[in-house]
N, C-alpha and C. Protein backbone atom coordinates (compact mmCIF):
# COMPACT_ATOMS: atom_id res chain seq x y z
N MET A 1 5.14 -29.55 -11.64
CA MET A 1 3.89 -30.29 -11.63
C MET A 1 3.37 -30.34 -13.06
N ASP A 2 3.52 -31.48 -13.66
CA ASP A 2 3.23 -31.63 -15.09
C ASP A 2 1.78 -31.32 -15.47
N ILE A 3 0.84 -31.75 -14.64
CA ILE A 3 -0.58 -31.52 -14.97
C ILE A 3 -0.89 -30.02 -15.05
N LEU A 4 -0.28 -29.23 -14.17
CA LEU A 4 -0.48 -27.78 -14.20
C LEU A 4 0.19 -27.18 -15.43
N LYS A 5 1.40 -27.60 -15.74
CA LYS A 5 2.10 -27.07 -16.91
C LYS A 5 1.31 -27.37 -18.19
N GLU A 6 0.78 -28.58 -18.29
CA GLU A 6 -0.03 -28.94 -19.47
C GLU A 6 -1.24 -28.02 -19.59
N LYS A 7 -1.88 -27.75 -18.48
CA LYS A 7 -3.07 -26.89 -18.48
C LYS A 7 -2.70 -25.46 -18.88
N ILE A 8 -1.56 -24.99 -18.40
CA ILE A 8 -1.10 -23.65 -18.76
C ILE A 8 -0.87 -23.55 -20.26
N VAL A 9 -0.23 -24.56 -20.82
CA VAL A 9 0.08 -24.56 -22.26
C VAL A 9 -1.19 -24.65 -23.10
N THR A 10 -2.11 -25.53 -22.70
CA THR A 10 -3.31 -25.74 -23.52
C THR A 10 -4.36 -24.64 -23.33
N ASP A 11 -4.50 -24.12 -22.10
CA ASP A 11 -5.59 -23.19 -21.82
C ASP A 11 -5.15 -21.78 -21.44
N GLY A 12 -3.88 -21.60 -21.14
CA GLY A 12 -3.38 -20.26 -20.79
C GLY A 12 -3.28 -19.38 -22.02
N LYS A 13 -3.40 -18.08 -21.79
CA LYS A 13 -3.30 -17.12 -22.89
C LYS A 13 -2.31 -16.02 -22.50
N VAL A 14 -1.41 -15.70 -23.42
CA VAL A 14 -0.42 -14.66 -23.18
C VAL A 14 -0.92 -13.36 -23.78
N TYR A 15 -0.88 -12.30 -22.96
CA TYR A 15 -1.32 -10.98 -23.38
C TYR A 15 -0.14 -10.01 -23.28
N PRO A 16 -0.23 -8.89 -23.98
CA PRO A 16 0.85 -7.90 -23.91
C PRO A 16 1.16 -7.51 -22.46
N GLY A 17 2.42 -7.17 -22.22
CA GLY A 17 2.85 -6.78 -20.89
C GLY A 17 3.20 -7.96 -20.01
N ASN A 18 3.48 -9.11 -20.62
CA ASN A 18 3.82 -10.34 -19.88
C ASN A 18 2.71 -10.79 -18.95
N VAL A 19 1.48 -10.64 -19.40
CA VAL A 19 0.32 -11.10 -18.63
C VAL A 19 -0.05 -12.50 -19.13
N LEU A 20 -0.12 -13.43 -18.18
CA LEU A 20 -0.54 -14.80 -18.47
C LEU A 20 -1.92 -14.99 -17.87
N LYS A 21 -2.91 -15.17 -18.75
CA LYS A 21 -4.30 -15.36 -18.30
C LYS A 21 -4.56 -16.85 -18.12
N VAL A 22 -4.92 -17.21 -16.89
CA VAL A 22 -5.27 -18.59 -16.58
C VAL A 22 -6.65 -18.61 -15.91
N ASN A 23 -7.47 -17.66 -16.33
CA ASN A 23 -8.78 -17.51 -15.70
C ASN A 23 -9.78 -18.58 -16.11
N SER A 24 -9.43 -19.43 -17.06
CA SER A 24 -10.34 -20.50 -17.46
C SER A 24 -10.17 -21.76 -16.61
N PHE A 25 -9.19 -21.75 -15.68
CA PHE A 25 -9.02 -22.92 -14.82
C PHE A 25 -8.49 -22.62 -13.42
N LEU A 26 -7.97 -21.41 -13.17
CA LEU A 26 -7.34 -21.17 -11.87
C LEU A 26 -7.93 -20.01 -11.08
N ASN A 27 -8.16 -18.86 -11.72
CA ASN A 27 -8.53 -17.72 -10.90
C ASN A 27 -9.78 -16.96 -11.35
N HIS A 28 -10.62 -17.61 -12.09
CA HIS A 28 -11.96 -17.07 -12.37
C HIS A 28 -12.90 -18.28 -12.41
N LEU A 29 -12.76 -19.09 -13.42
CA LEU A 29 -13.37 -20.42 -13.45
C LEU A 29 -12.33 -21.36 -12.85
N ILE A 30 -12.70 -22.16 -11.87
CA ILE A 30 -11.71 -22.98 -11.16
C ILE A 30 -11.92 -24.46 -11.47
N ASP A 31 -10.85 -25.08 -11.96
CA ASP A 31 -10.83 -26.53 -12.18
C ASP A 31 -10.52 -27.17 -10.83
N VAL A 32 -11.55 -27.63 -10.14
CA VAL A 32 -11.42 -28.10 -8.77
C VAL A 32 -10.52 -29.34 -8.70
N LYS A 33 -10.60 -30.23 -9.68
CA LYS A 33 -9.74 -31.42 -9.66
C LYS A 33 -8.27 -31.02 -9.76
N LEU A 34 -7.96 -30.07 -10.63
CA LEU A 34 -6.59 -29.59 -10.76
C LEU A 34 -6.13 -28.91 -9.47
N VAL A 35 -6.96 -28.03 -8.94
CA VAL A 35 -6.61 -27.30 -7.72
C VAL A 35 -6.44 -28.27 -6.55
N THR A 36 -7.22 -29.33 -6.51
CA THR A 36 -7.08 -30.35 -5.48
C THR A 36 -5.70 -31.01 -5.57
N GLU A 37 -5.27 -31.33 -6.77
CA GLU A 37 -3.93 -31.91 -6.94
C GLU A 37 -2.85 -30.93 -6.52
N MET A 38 -3.07 -29.67 -6.77
CA MET A 38 -2.12 -28.64 -6.36
C MET A 38 -2.06 -28.57 -4.83
N GLY A 39 -3.21 -28.61 -4.18
CA GLY A 39 -3.26 -28.60 -2.72
C GLY A 39 -2.52 -29.79 -2.12
N LYS A 40 -2.70 -30.96 -2.73
CA LYS A 40 -1.97 -32.17 -2.27
C LYS A 40 -0.47 -31.98 -2.40
N GLU A 41 -0.05 -31.34 -3.48
CA GLU A 41 1.39 -31.11 -3.68
C GLU A 41 1.93 -30.14 -2.65
N PHE A 42 1.18 -29.08 -2.33
CA PHE A 42 1.63 -28.17 -1.28
C PHE A 42 1.73 -28.89 0.06
N LYS A 43 0.79 -29.78 0.34
CA LYS A 43 0.85 -30.57 1.59
C LYS A 43 2.11 -31.44 1.60
N ARG A 44 2.43 -32.05 0.48
CA ARG A 44 3.64 -32.87 0.41
C ARG A 44 4.89 -32.01 0.65
N LEU A 45 4.94 -30.84 0.04
CA LEU A 45 6.10 -29.97 0.15
C LEU A 45 6.28 -29.38 1.55
N TYR A 46 5.18 -29.08 2.22
CA TYR A 46 5.26 -28.40 3.52
C TYR A 46 4.74 -29.27 4.67
N ASN A 47 4.73 -30.57 4.47
CA ASN A 47 4.15 -31.49 5.45
C ASN A 47 4.81 -31.40 6.82
N ASP A 48 6.09 -31.13 6.87
CA ASP A 48 6.81 -31.13 8.14
C ASP A 48 6.85 -29.76 8.82
N CYS A 49 6.07 -28.81 8.37
CA CYS A 49 6.16 -27.43 8.86
C CYS A 49 5.15 -27.07 9.94
N GLU A 50 4.29 -27.98 10.34
CA GLU A 50 3.31 -27.74 11.39
C GLU A 50 2.46 -26.49 11.12
N VAL A 51 1.98 -26.37 9.88
CA VAL A 51 1.18 -25.21 9.46
C VAL A 51 -0.08 -25.10 10.31
N THR A 52 -0.32 -23.90 10.85
CA THR A 52 -1.54 -23.66 11.63
C THR A 52 -2.51 -22.74 10.90
N LYS A 53 -2.02 -22.06 9.85
CA LYS A 53 -2.88 -21.13 9.12
C LYS A 53 -2.36 -20.97 7.70
N ILE A 54 -3.30 -20.93 6.75
CA ILE A 54 -3.00 -20.60 5.36
C ILE A 54 -3.38 -19.14 5.17
N LEU A 55 -2.47 -18.36 4.57
CA LEU A 55 -2.73 -16.94 4.33
C LEU A 55 -2.65 -16.67 2.83
N THR A 56 -3.60 -15.87 2.33
CA THR A 56 -3.57 -15.43 0.94
C THR A 56 -4.11 -14.00 0.90
N ILE A 57 -4.26 -13.50 -0.30
CA ILE A 57 -4.80 -12.16 -0.48
C ILE A 57 -6.00 -12.26 -1.43
N GLU A 58 -7.01 -11.44 -1.19
CA GLU A 58 -8.17 -11.54 -2.07
C GLU A 58 -7.81 -11.07 -3.47
N ALA A 59 -8.38 -11.60 -4.48
CA ALA A 59 -9.39 -12.62 -4.48
C ALA A 59 -8.87 -13.90 -5.14
N SER A 60 -7.92 -13.78 -6.04
CA SER A 60 -7.54 -14.92 -6.88
C SER A 60 -6.96 -16.11 -6.13
N GLY A 61 -6.33 -15.88 -5.00
CA GLY A 61 -5.71 -16.98 -4.28
C GLY A 61 -6.63 -17.73 -3.34
N ILE A 62 -7.83 -17.21 -3.12
CA ILE A 62 -8.71 -17.79 -2.09
C ILE A 62 -9.11 -19.23 -2.40
N GLY A 63 -9.49 -19.52 -3.63
CA GLY A 63 -9.91 -20.88 -3.98
C GLY A 63 -8.79 -21.88 -3.74
N LEU A 64 -7.60 -21.59 -4.24
CA LEU A 64 -6.45 -22.48 -4.05
C LEU A 64 -6.10 -22.61 -2.58
N ALA A 65 -6.17 -21.51 -1.84
CA ALA A 65 -5.87 -21.55 -0.40
C ALA A 65 -6.87 -22.43 0.35
N CYS A 66 -8.14 -22.33 0.02
CA CYS A 66 -9.17 -23.12 0.71
C CYS A 66 -8.99 -24.61 0.46
N VAL A 67 -8.73 -24.97 -0.78
CA VAL A 67 -8.53 -26.38 -1.08
C VAL A 67 -7.27 -26.90 -0.38
N THR A 68 -6.21 -26.11 -0.40
CA THR A 68 -4.96 -26.50 0.25
C THR A 68 -5.16 -26.67 1.76
N ALA A 69 -5.92 -25.79 2.38
CA ALA A 69 -6.14 -25.83 3.82
C ALA A 69 -6.81 -27.12 4.26
N GLN A 70 -7.60 -27.72 3.39
CA GLN A 70 -8.24 -29.00 3.75
C GLN A 70 -7.19 -30.06 4.05
N PHE A 71 -6.08 -30.04 3.33
CA PHE A 71 -5.04 -31.04 3.52
C PHE A 71 -4.21 -30.77 4.77
N PHE A 72 -4.18 -29.52 5.22
CA PHE A 72 -3.46 -29.17 6.45
C PHE A 72 -4.39 -29.14 7.66
N ASP A 73 -5.70 -29.27 7.43
CA ASP A 73 -6.69 -29.21 8.49
C ASP A 73 -6.53 -27.93 9.33
N CYS A 74 -6.49 -26.80 8.61
CA CYS A 74 -6.32 -25.52 9.29
C CYS A 74 -7.18 -24.47 8.57
N PRO A 75 -7.38 -23.33 9.21
CA PRO A 75 -8.19 -22.29 8.57
C PRO A 75 -7.42 -21.48 7.53
N VAL A 76 -8.18 -20.77 6.71
CA VAL A 76 -7.63 -19.85 5.72
C VAL A 76 -7.95 -18.43 6.17
N LEU A 77 -6.94 -17.58 6.08
CA LEU A 77 -7.11 -16.16 6.36
C LEU A 77 -6.73 -15.42 5.09
N PHE A 78 -7.57 -14.50 4.65
CA PHE A 78 -7.16 -13.71 3.50
C PHE A 78 -7.12 -12.24 3.83
N ALA A 79 -6.08 -11.59 3.32
CA ALA A 79 -5.93 -10.14 3.49
C ALA A 79 -6.93 -9.45 2.58
N LYS A 80 -7.60 -8.46 3.12
CA LYS A 80 -8.56 -7.68 2.33
C LYS A 80 -7.84 -6.51 1.68
N LYS A 81 -8.26 -6.22 0.46
CA LYS A 81 -7.66 -5.11 -0.28
C LYS A 81 -8.37 -3.79 -0.05
N GLU A 82 -9.56 -3.85 0.48
CA GLU A 82 -10.32 -2.63 0.73
C GLU A 82 -10.94 -2.70 2.11
N SER A 83 -10.99 -1.57 2.77
CA SER A 83 -11.67 -1.51 4.06
C SER A 83 -13.17 -1.57 3.84
N THR A 84 -13.83 -2.31 4.69
CA THR A 84 -15.28 -2.41 4.62
C THR A 84 -15.86 -2.01 5.98
N SER A 85 -17.14 -1.74 6.01
CA SER A 85 -17.77 -1.27 7.24
C SER A 85 -17.76 -2.35 8.32
N ASN A 86 -17.65 -3.62 7.95
CA ASN A 86 -17.66 -4.67 8.96
C ASN A 86 -16.26 -5.11 9.38
N LEU A 87 -15.23 -4.38 8.95
CA LEU A 87 -13.85 -4.65 9.34
C LEU A 87 -13.52 -3.77 10.53
N SER A 88 -13.02 -4.37 11.60
CA SER A 88 -12.70 -3.57 12.79
C SER A 88 -11.52 -2.65 12.50
N SER A 89 -11.27 -1.72 13.39
CA SER A 89 -10.13 -0.81 13.23
C SER A 89 -8.86 -1.43 13.83
N ASN A 90 -8.99 -2.57 14.46
CA ASN A 90 -7.88 -3.27 15.10
C ASN A 90 -7.24 -4.23 14.08
N VAL A 91 -6.47 -3.65 13.14
CA VAL A 91 -5.95 -4.42 12.02
C VAL A 91 -4.45 -4.23 11.86
N TYR A 92 -3.84 -5.22 11.21
CA TYR A 92 -2.51 -5.06 10.65
C TYR A 92 -2.72 -4.53 9.24
N ARG A 93 -1.84 -3.62 8.80
CA ARG A 93 -2.03 -2.99 7.51
C ARG A 93 -0.67 -2.85 6.82
N THR A 94 -0.66 -3.08 5.50
CA THR A 94 0.57 -2.90 4.73
C THR A 94 0.24 -2.39 3.33
N GLY A 95 1.12 -1.62 2.76
CA GLY A 95 0.93 -1.12 1.40
C GLY A 95 1.49 -2.10 0.38
N ILE A 96 0.76 -2.30 -0.70
CA ILE A 96 1.16 -3.22 -1.77
C ILE A 96 0.91 -2.54 -3.11
N HIS A 97 1.85 -2.73 -4.03
CA HIS A 97 1.66 -2.26 -5.41
C HIS A 97 1.24 -3.45 -6.26
N SER A 98 0.16 -3.31 -7.01
CA SER A 98 -0.32 -4.37 -7.89
C SER A 98 0.28 -4.19 -9.28
N TYR A 99 1.08 -5.16 -9.69
CA TYR A 99 1.67 -5.17 -11.03
C TYR A 99 0.57 -5.28 -12.08
N THR A 100 -0.39 -6.19 -11.83
CA THR A 100 -1.46 -6.46 -12.80
C THR A 100 -2.36 -5.25 -13.00
N HIS A 101 -2.75 -4.60 -11.90
CA HIS A 101 -3.69 -3.50 -11.99
C HIS A 101 -3.01 -2.13 -12.05
N GLY A 102 -1.71 -2.09 -11.77
CA GLY A 102 -0.98 -0.84 -11.86
C GLY A 102 -1.38 0.19 -10.81
N ASN A 103 -1.77 -0.27 -9.61
CA ASN A 103 -2.15 0.67 -8.56
C ASN A 103 -1.61 0.21 -7.21
N ASP A 104 -1.71 1.09 -6.23
CA ASP A 104 -1.31 0.78 -4.86
C ASP A 104 -2.57 0.62 -4.02
N TYR A 105 -2.49 -0.25 -3.02
CA TYR A 105 -3.60 -0.44 -2.11
C TYR A 105 -3.08 -0.86 -0.75
N GLN A 106 -3.95 -0.78 0.24
CA GLN A 106 -3.64 -1.22 1.60
C GLN A 106 -4.28 -2.58 1.82
N ALA A 107 -3.47 -3.55 2.20
CA ALA A 107 -3.98 -4.88 2.56
C ALA A 107 -4.11 -4.92 4.08
N THR A 108 -5.21 -5.47 4.55
CA THR A 108 -5.46 -5.50 5.99
C THR A 108 -5.91 -6.88 6.45
N ILE A 109 -5.57 -7.16 7.69
CA ILE A 109 -5.99 -8.38 8.38
C ILE A 109 -6.37 -7.98 9.81
N GLU A 110 -7.49 -8.47 10.29
CA GLU A 110 -7.86 -8.20 11.67
C GLU A 110 -6.88 -8.90 12.61
N LYS A 111 -6.43 -8.17 13.63
CA LYS A 111 -5.43 -8.70 14.56
C LYS A 111 -5.89 -9.95 15.29
N ASP A 112 -7.19 -10.10 15.49
CA ASP A 112 -7.71 -11.28 16.19
C ASP A 112 -7.44 -12.58 15.43
N PHE A 113 -7.17 -12.50 14.13
CA PHE A 113 -7.06 -13.70 13.31
C PHE A 113 -5.63 -14.12 12.98
N LEU A 114 -4.64 -13.35 13.39
CA LEU A 114 -3.24 -13.69 13.13
C LEU A 114 -2.45 -13.45 14.41
N LYS A 115 -1.87 -14.53 14.96
CA LYS A 115 -1.23 -14.47 16.27
C LYS A 115 0.24 -14.90 16.18
N ALA A 116 0.99 -14.55 17.20
CA ALA A 116 2.42 -14.86 17.24
C ALA A 116 2.68 -16.36 17.19
N GLU A 117 1.77 -17.16 17.72
CA GLU A 117 1.98 -18.61 17.73
C GLU A 117 1.67 -19.28 16.39
N ASP A 118 1.15 -18.54 15.42
CA ASP A 118 0.81 -19.11 14.12
C ASP A 118 2.04 -19.44 13.29
N LYS A 119 1.96 -20.59 12.62
CA LYS A 119 2.94 -20.99 11.61
C LYS A 119 2.20 -20.91 10.28
N VAL A 120 2.57 -19.93 9.47
CA VAL A 120 1.78 -19.52 8.32
C VAL A 120 2.39 -20.02 7.02
N LEU A 121 1.55 -20.63 6.21
CA LEU A 121 1.90 -20.97 4.83
C LEU A 121 1.13 -20.00 3.94
N ILE A 122 1.87 -19.19 3.19
CA ILE A 122 1.24 -18.24 2.27
C ILE A 122 1.01 -18.97 0.95
N ILE A 123 -0.20 -18.87 0.43
CA ILE A 123 -0.57 -19.51 -0.84
C ILE A 123 -1.07 -18.42 -1.78
N ASP A 124 -0.58 -18.45 -3.03
CA ASP A 124 -1.09 -17.50 -4.02
C ASP A 124 -1.03 -18.11 -5.41
N ASP A 125 -1.79 -17.52 -6.33
CA ASP A 125 -1.84 -18.05 -7.68
C ASP A 125 -0.62 -17.68 -8.50
N PHE A 126 -0.09 -16.46 -8.32
CA PHE A 126 1.04 -15.99 -9.13
C PHE A 126 2.13 -15.37 -8.26
N LEU A 127 3.35 -15.48 -8.75
CA LEU A 127 4.48 -14.74 -8.22
C LEU A 127 5.21 -14.13 -9.41
N ALA A 128 5.28 -12.81 -9.43
CA ALA A 128 5.99 -12.10 -10.50
C ALA A 128 6.98 -11.13 -9.85
N SER A 129 6.52 -9.96 -9.47
CA SER A 129 7.40 -8.98 -8.84
C SER A 129 7.57 -9.24 -7.35
N GLY A 130 6.66 -9.99 -6.75
CA GLY A 130 6.77 -10.32 -5.33
C GLY A 130 6.11 -9.33 -4.39
N GLU A 131 5.46 -8.33 -4.93
CA GLU A 131 4.85 -7.29 -4.09
C GLU A 131 3.80 -7.86 -3.13
N ALA A 132 2.90 -8.68 -3.63
CA ALA A 132 1.84 -9.23 -2.77
C ALA A 132 2.44 -10.11 -1.67
N LEU A 133 3.39 -10.96 -2.04
CA LEU A 133 3.99 -11.83 -1.03
C LEU A 133 4.76 -11.03 0.01
N ASN A 134 5.49 -10.02 -0.42
CA ASN A 134 6.20 -9.17 0.54
C ASN A 134 5.22 -8.50 1.50
N GLY A 135 4.07 -8.07 0.98
CA GLY A 135 3.06 -7.48 1.83
C GLY A 135 2.50 -8.47 2.84
N LEU A 136 2.23 -9.70 2.39
CA LEU A 136 1.71 -10.73 3.31
C LEU A 136 2.76 -11.10 4.35
N ILE A 137 4.01 -11.17 3.94
CA ILE A 137 5.10 -11.45 4.89
C ILE A 137 5.19 -10.33 5.92
N ASP A 138 5.03 -9.08 5.49
CA ASP A 138 5.04 -7.95 6.40
C ASP A 138 3.89 -8.04 7.41
N LEU A 139 2.70 -8.42 6.96
CA LEU A 139 1.57 -8.58 7.88
C LEU A 139 1.89 -9.64 8.94
N CYS A 140 2.52 -10.74 8.53
CA CYS A 140 2.90 -11.79 9.49
C CYS A 140 3.94 -11.25 10.47
N ALA A 141 4.90 -10.48 9.98
CA ALA A 141 5.93 -9.90 10.86
C ALA A 141 5.29 -8.96 11.89
N GLN A 142 4.29 -8.20 11.48
CA GLN A 142 3.61 -7.30 12.42
C GLN A 142 2.96 -8.10 13.55
N ALA A 143 2.49 -9.31 13.23
CA ALA A 143 1.85 -10.17 14.23
C ALA A 143 2.84 -11.06 14.95
N SER A 144 4.12 -11.02 14.57
CA SER A 144 5.16 -11.92 15.08
C SER A 144 4.85 -13.38 14.77
N ALA A 145 4.08 -13.61 13.70
CA ALA A 145 3.77 -14.97 13.25
C ALA A 145 4.92 -15.47 12.37
N GLU A 146 5.16 -16.77 12.40
CA GLU A 146 6.24 -17.37 11.61
C GLU A 146 5.73 -17.74 10.21
N VAL A 147 6.40 -17.26 9.19
CA VAL A 147 6.10 -17.67 7.82
C VAL A 147 6.97 -18.90 7.53
N VAL A 148 6.31 -20.06 7.34
CA VAL A 148 7.07 -21.28 7.06
C VAL A 148 7.42 -21.39 5.59
N GLY A 149 6.71 -20.65 4.75
CA GLY A 149 7.00 -20.67 3.32
C GLY A 149 5.86 -20.10 2.51
N CYS A 150 6.11 -20.07 1.20
CA CYS A 150 5.13 -19.57 0.24
C CYS A 150 4.91 -20.64 -0.82
N GLY A 151 3.66 -21.02 -1.03
CA GLY A 151 3.30 -21.97 -2.07
C GLY A 151 2.64 -21.22 -3.22
N ILE A 152 3.25 -21.31 -4.38
CA ILE A 152 2.81 -20.53 -5.53
C ILE A 152 2.39 -21.47 -6.65
N ALA A 153 1.26 -21.20 -7.26
CA ALA A 153 0.83 -22.01 -8.40
C ALA A 153 1.77 -21.76 -9.58
N ILE A 154 1.90 -20.49 -9.99
CA ILE A 154 2.69 -20.16 -11.18
C ILE A 154 3.63 -19.01 -10.85
N GLU A 155 4.92 -19.26 -11.04
CA GLU A 155 5.93 -18.21 -10.86
C GLU A 155 6.46 -17.80 -12.22
N LYS A 156 6.52 -16.51 -12.45
CA LYS A 156 7.18 -15.98 -13.65
C LYS A 156 8.65 -15.77 -13.27
N SER A 157 9.47 -16.77 -13.55
CA SER A 157 10.86 -16.73 -13.08
C SER A 157 11.70 -15.69 -13.81
N PHE A 158 11.18 -15.16 -14.91
CA PHE A 158 11.90 -14.10 -15.63
C PHE A 158 11.68 -12.73 -14.97
N GLN A 159 10.84 -12.67 -13.95
CA GLN A 159 10.65 -11.46 -13.17
C GLN A 159 11.32 -11.66 -11.81
N PRO A 160 11.64 -10.58 -11.09
CA PRO A 160 12.56 -10.70 -9.95
C PRO A 160 11.99 -11.22 -8.64
N GLY A 161 10.69 -11.32 -8.50
CA GLY A 161 10.08 -11.61 -7.20
C GLY A 161 10.60 -12.86 -6.51
N GLY A 162 10.61 -13.97 -7.20
CA GLY A 162 11.04 -15.23 -6.59
C GLY A 162 12.50 -15.21 -6.17
N LYS A 163 13.35 -14.70 -7.04
CA LYS A 163 14.78 -14.62 -6.71
C LYS A 163 15.01 -13.74 -5.49
N GLU A 164 14.34 -12.61 -5.43
CA GLU A 164 14.51 -11.68 -4.31
C GLU A 164 14.02 -12.30 -2.99
N LEU A 165 12.88 -12.97 -3.02
CA LEU A 165 12.37 -13.60 -1.80
C LEU A 165 13.30 -14.71 -1.32
N ARG A 166 13.76 -15.54 -2.25
CA ARG A 166 14.68 -16.61 -1.87
C ARG A 166 15.99 -16.06 -1.32
N ALA A 167 16.47 -14.94 -1.89
CA ALA A 167 17.71 -14.30 -1.40
C ALA A 167 17.54 -13.79 0.03
N LYS A 168 16.31 -13.47 0.42
CA LYS A 168 16.02 -13.03 1.79
C LYS A 168 15.86 -14.22 2.74
N GLY A 169 15.93 -15.45 2.20
CA GLY A 169 15.78 -16.63 3.03
C GLY A 169 14.37 -17.16 3.13
N VAL A 170 13.46 -16.65 2.33
CA VAL A 170 12.07 -17.12 2.34
C VAL A 170 12.00 -18.39 1.49
N ARG A 171 11.39 -19.43 2.04
CA ARG A 171 11.18 -20.66 1.28
C ARG A 171 10.01 -20.45 0.32
N VAL A 172 10.29 -20.58 -0.97
CA VAL A 172 9.27 -20.43 -2.00
C VAL A 172 9.24 -21.70 -2.82
N GLU A 173 8.08 -22.33 -2.89
CA GLU A 173 7.87 -23.53 -3.71
C GLU A 173 6.81 -23.21 -4.76
N SER A 174 7.24 -23.20 -6.02
CA SER A 174 6.32 -22.89 -7.11
C SER A 174 6.05 -24.16 -7.92
N LEU A 175 4.79 -24.41 -8.23
CA LEU A 175 4.41 -25.65 -8.93
C LEU A 175 4.72 -25.59 -10.41
N ALA A 176 4.74 -24.40 -10.99
CA ALA A 176 5.14 -24.21 -12.39
C ALA A 176 5.92 -22.91 -12.47
N MET A 177 7.09 -22.98 -13.09
CA MET A 177 7.93 -21.79 -13.22
C MET A 177 8.05 -21.44 -14.69
N VAL A 178 7.40 -20.35 -15.08
CA VAL A 178 7.39 -19.90 -16.47
C VAL A 178 8.65 -19.07 -16.69
N SER A 179 9.50 -19.52 -17.61
CA SER A 179 10.76 -18.82 -17.88
C SER A 179 10.64 -17.82 -19.02
N SER A 180 9.64 -18.01 -19.89
CA SER A 180 9.49 -17.12 -21.04
C SER A 180 8.08 -17.23 -21.60
N MET A 181 7.63 -16.11 -22.15
CA MET A 181 6.35 -16.07 -22.87
C MET A 181 6.55 -15.33 -24.18
N GLU A 182 7.74 -15.43 -24.74
CA GLU A 182 8.09 -14.74 -25.99
C GLU A 182 7.18 -15.20 -27.12
N ASN A 183 6.66 -14.24 -27.86
CA ASN A 183 5.80 -14.52 -29.02
C ASN A 183 4.64 -15.44 -28.71
N GLY A 184 4.13 -15.35 -27.46
CA GLY A 184 2.98 -16.15 -27.06
C GLY A 184 3.29 -17.60 -26.74
N LYS A 185 4.57 -18.00 -26.83
CA LYS A 185 4.98 -19.38 -26.52
C LYS A 185 5.44 -19.46 -25.08
N ILE A 186 4.80 -20.31 -24.31
CA ILE A 186 5.10 -20.45 -22.88
C ILE A 186 6.16 -21.53 -22.69
N GLU A 187 7.24 -21.16 -21.99
CA GLU A 187 8.31 -22.10 -21.69
C GLU A 187 8.52 -22.14 -20.19
N PHE A 188 9.01 -23.29 -19.68
CA PHE A 188 9.15 -23.51 -18.25
C PHE A 188 10.60 -23.76 -17.86
N ASP A 189 10.91 -23.43 -16.59
CA ASP A 189 12.22 -23.73 -16.01
C ASP A 189 12.33 -25.20 -15.63
N ASN A 190 11.30 -25.69 -15.01
CA ASN A 190 11.39 -27.04 -14.42
C ASN A 190 10.45 -28.02 -15.07
């Protein structure tokens, strides 16, 4: 998706540790026109999958997931990273390691919101090691819900997550695949 790649090059910032900051348009300040185009592209890619629910994880993927859900006319469900007093004890739970934050956490979803009859499209802003997506896929498996695929804004193809998920048979569609960030220069696969 050329418009996204252009935005990454012009506004993205590379930080030590292979961190790509896109918080000026995707996951802090949100460029709604850009995200809308991304949602349309996910609809085009997964149009034939009969999606009944969009799933993401808090917090960075929620905006993209909500915009995308409008095109599928379905609800968005997001996994919570922390237990809160208003979360029931009737939950699916999975452990996830955060590459960005360097910690482990439990992601939870209330069982009432994810059912066996759901056809789930997972949407997220980044794919690097694949930990978050594997956790979301595990939550769907606990509910016996079908994962029809994963829609990713930016995949770091030089990290193993995408390759490993595809090797397991998971359909992953990434709108921009970053192949390198050497010396602060961002390069793409596609």
